[in-house]
């Protein structure tokens, strides 16, 4: 069952912009196309996007 993509919030079209906007406790993720980048918490990531193949580009604390 696919997760509701609306939980990801606003997507960024630039990885650097997303990395600058995230807080130290958040991460930046993307799907396999790497066209949009999302700032999410670890909890959000583990409850949907991870199972759908989204990958972490900028981890917490980075």
N, C-alpha and C. Protein backbone atom coordinates (compact mmCIF):
# COMPACT_ATOMS: atom_id res chain seq x y z
N UNK A 1 0.84 -1.18 0.00
CA UNK A 1 0.00 0.00 0.00
C UNK A 1 0.89 1.24 0.00
N UNK A 2 0.66 2.12 -0.95
CA UNK A 2 1.45 3.35 -1.07
C UNK A 2 1.10 4.33 0.05
N UNK A 3 2.08 5.08 0.46
CA UNK A 3 1.84 6.08 1.49
C UNK A 3 1.26 7.35 0.86
N UNK A 4 0.70 8.21 1.67
CA UNK A 4 0.12 9.47 1.22
C UNK A 4 1.25 10.48 1.06
N UNK A 5 1.58 10.82 -0.18
CA UNK A 5 2.70 11.72 -0.47
C UNK A 5 2.53 13.10 0.16
N UNK A 6 1.32 13.47 0.51
CA UNK A 6 1.10 14.78 1.11
C UNK A 6 1.80 14.92 2.48
N UNK A 7 2.15 13.80 3.11
CA UNK A 7 2.85 13.87 4.40
C UNK A 7 4.26 14.42 4.24
N UNK A 8 4.78 14.43 3.01
CA UNK A 8 6.12 14.93 2.76
C UNK A 8 6.20 16.46 2.77
N UNK A 9 5.08 17.10 2.60
CA UNK A 9 5.08 18.56 2.60
C UNK A 9 5.60 19.12 1.29
N UNK A 10 6.11 20.36 1.37
CA UNK A 10 6.58 21.06 0.19
C UNK A 10 7.85 20.41 -0.35
N UNK A 11 7.86 20.19 -1.64
CA UNK A 11 9.05 19.65 -2.28
C UNK A 11 9.96 20.77 -2.76
N UNK A 12 11.24 20.51 -2.75
CA UNK A 12 12.24 21.45 -3.27
C UNK A 12 12.74 20.90 -4.60
N UNK A 13 13.11 21.79 -5.49
CA UNK A 13 13.66 21.37 -6.78
C UNK A 13 15.18 21.40 -6.78
N UNK A 14 15.76 21.79 -5.63
CA UNK A 14 17.20 21.93 -5.52
C UNK A 14 17.66 21.33 -4.20
N UNK A 15 18.58 20.40 -4.26
CA UNK A 15 19.06 19.72 -3.06
C UNK A 15 19.73 20.69 -2.09
N UNK A 16 20.52 21.61 -2.61
CA UNK A 16 21.22 22.55 -1.74
C UNK A 16 20.25 23.42 -0.95
N UNK A 17 19.18 23.87 -1.59
CA UNK A 17 18.18 24.69 -0.90
C UNK A 17 17.51 23.90 0.22
N UNK A 18 17.19 22.66 -0.05
CA UNK A 18 16.57 21.81 0.97
C UNK A 18 17.53 21.57 2.13
N UNK A 19 18.79 21.34 1.82
CA UNK A 19 19.79 21.08 2.86
C UNK A 19 19.98 22.30 3.77
N UNK A 20 19.90 23.49 3.20
CA UNK A 20 20.05 24.72 3.98
C UNK A 20 18.83 24.95 4.87
N UNK A 21 17.65 24.64 4.38
CA UNK A 21 16.41 24.90 5.11
C UNK A 21 16.11 23.90 6.23
N UNK A 22 16.68 22.72 6.18
CA UNK A 22 16.36 21.70 7.17
C UNK A 22 16.98 22.03 8.53
N UNK A 23 16.36 21.53 9.58
CA UNK A 23 16.92 21.69 10.93
C UNK A 23 17.86 20.50 11.19
N UNK A 24 18.69 20.58 12.22
CA UNK A 24 19.62 19.48 12.52
C UNK A 24 18.93 18.15 12.81
N UNK A 25 17.67 18.17 13.22
CA UNK A 25 16.97 16.92 13.55
C UNK A 25 16.19 16.37 12.35
N UNK A 26 16.31 16.98 11.20
CA UNK A 26 15.59 16.53 10.00
C UNK A 26 16.58 16.00 8.96
N UNK A 27 16.02 15.36 7.94
CA UNK A 27 16.83 14.83 6.84
C UNK A 27 16.20 15.23 5.51
N UNK A 28 16.98 15.16 4.45
CA UNK A 28 16.49 15.43 3.11
C UNK A 28 16.43 14.10 2.37
N UNK A 29 15.26 13.81 1.79
CA UNK A 29 15.08 12.57 1.05
C UNK A 29 14.62 12.88 -0.38
N UNK A 30 14.72 11.88 -1.24
CA UNK A 30 14.25 12.00 -2.62
C UNK A 30 13.82 10.63 -3.12
N UNK A 31 13.07 10.63 -4.21
CA UNK A 31 12.67 9.37 -4.82
C UNK A 31 13.76 8.95 -5.83
N UNK A 32 13.51 7.89 -6.57
CA UNK A 32 14.52 7.38 -7.49
C UNK A 32 14.81 8.31 -8.67
N UNK A 33 13.92 9.24 -8.98
CA UNK A 33 14.13 10.17 -10.09
C UNK A 33 14.98 11.38 -9.68
N UNK A 34 15.07 11.63 -8.39
CA UNK A 34 15.82 12.76 -7.83
C UNK A 34 15.42 14.09 -8.46
N UNK A 35 14.11 14.28 -8.67
CA UNK A 35 13.60 15.54 -9.22
C UNK A 35 13.08 16.46 -8.14
N UNK A 36 12.63 15.91 -7.03
CA UNK A 36 12.13 16.69 -5.89
C UNK A 36 12.79 16.19 -4.63
N UNK A 37 13.02 17.11 -3.71
CA UNK A 37 13.68 16.81 -2.45
C UNK A 37 12.76 17.24 -1.33
N UNK A 38 12.69 16.45 -0.27
CA UNK A 38 11.76 16.70 0.83
C UNK A 38 12.50 16.70 2.15
N UNK A 39 12.12 17.62 3.03
CA UNK A 39 12.65 17.67 4.38
C UNK A 39 11.66 16.96 5.29
N UNK A 40 12.13 15.91 5.96
CA UNK A 40 11.26 15.13 6.83
C UNK A 40 12.00 14.71 8.09
N UNK A 41 11.23 14.31 9.09
CA UNK A 41 11.81 13.73 10.30
C UNK A 41 12.07 12.24 10.05
N UNK A 42 12.87 11.64 10.89
CA UNK A 42 13.14 10.20 10.78
C UNK A 42 11.84 9.41 10.90
N UNK A 43 10.95 9.82 11.79
CA UNK A 43 9.67 9.13 11.99
C UNK A 43 8.84 9.11 10.71
N UNK A 44 8.73 10.26 10.06
CA UNK A 44 7.97 10.33 8.79
C UNK A 44 8.62 9.41 7.76
N UNK A 45 9.94 9.48 7.63
CA UNK A 45 10.66 8.67 6.66
C UNK A 45 10.42 7.18 6.87
N UNK A 46 10.48 6.73 8.10
CA UNK A 46 10.34 5.31 8.39
C UNK A 46 8.90 4.82 8.28
N UNK A 47 7.93 5.74 8.27
CA UNK A 47 6.52 5.34 8.19
C UNK A 47 5.93 5.47 6.80
N UNK A 48 6.72 5.32 5.77
CA UNK A 48 6.17 5.36 4.42
C UNK A 48 7.21 5.49 3.32
N UNK A 49 7.88 6.63 3.23
CA UNK A 49 8.81 6.83 2.11
C UNK A 49 9.92 5.77 2.03
N UNK A 50 10.42 5.32 3.15
CA UNK A 50 11.48 4.31 3.14
C UNK A 50 11.02 3.05 2.42
N UNK A 51 9.80 2.61 2.69
CA UNK A 51 9.28 1.41 2.06
C UNK A 51 8.99 1.61 0.57
N UNK A 52 8.85 2.85 0.15
CA UNK A 52 8.56 3.15 -1.25
C UNK A 52 9.83 3.47 -2.05
N UNK A 53 10.99 3.28 -1.44
CA UNK A 53 12.24 3.44 -2.16
C UNK A 53 12.87 4.82 -2.10
N UNK A 54 12.32 5.72 -1.29
CA UNK A 54 12.94 7.03 -1.13
C UNK A 54 14.26 6.84 -0.40
N UNK A 55 15.25 7.64 -0.79
CA UNK A 55 16.56 7.51 -0.15
C UNK A 55 16.96 8.81 0.53
N UNK A 56 17.80 8.66 1.54
CA UNK A 56 18.29 9.81 2.31
C UNK A 56 19.49 10.40 1.59
N UNK A 57 19.46 11.70 1.34
CA UNK A 57 20.59 12.40 0.72
C UNK A 57 21.37 13.21 1.74
N UNK A 58 20.67 13.78 2.72
CA UNK A 58 21.32 14.54 3.80
C UNK A 58 20.72 14.03 5.09
N UNK A 59 21.54 13.45 5.93
CA UNK A 59 21.05 12.85 7.17
C UNK A 59 20.93 13.88 8.29
N UNK A 60 20.35 13.47 9.39
CA UNK A 60 20.25 14.35 10.55
C UNK A 60 21.65 14.76 10.98
N UNK A 61 21.77 16.00 11.43
CA UNK A 61 23.04 16.49 11.93
C UNK A 61 24.02 16.94 10.86
N UNK A 62 23.69 16.72 9.61
CA UNK A 62 24.59 17.16 8.53
C UNK A 62 24.23 18.55 8.07
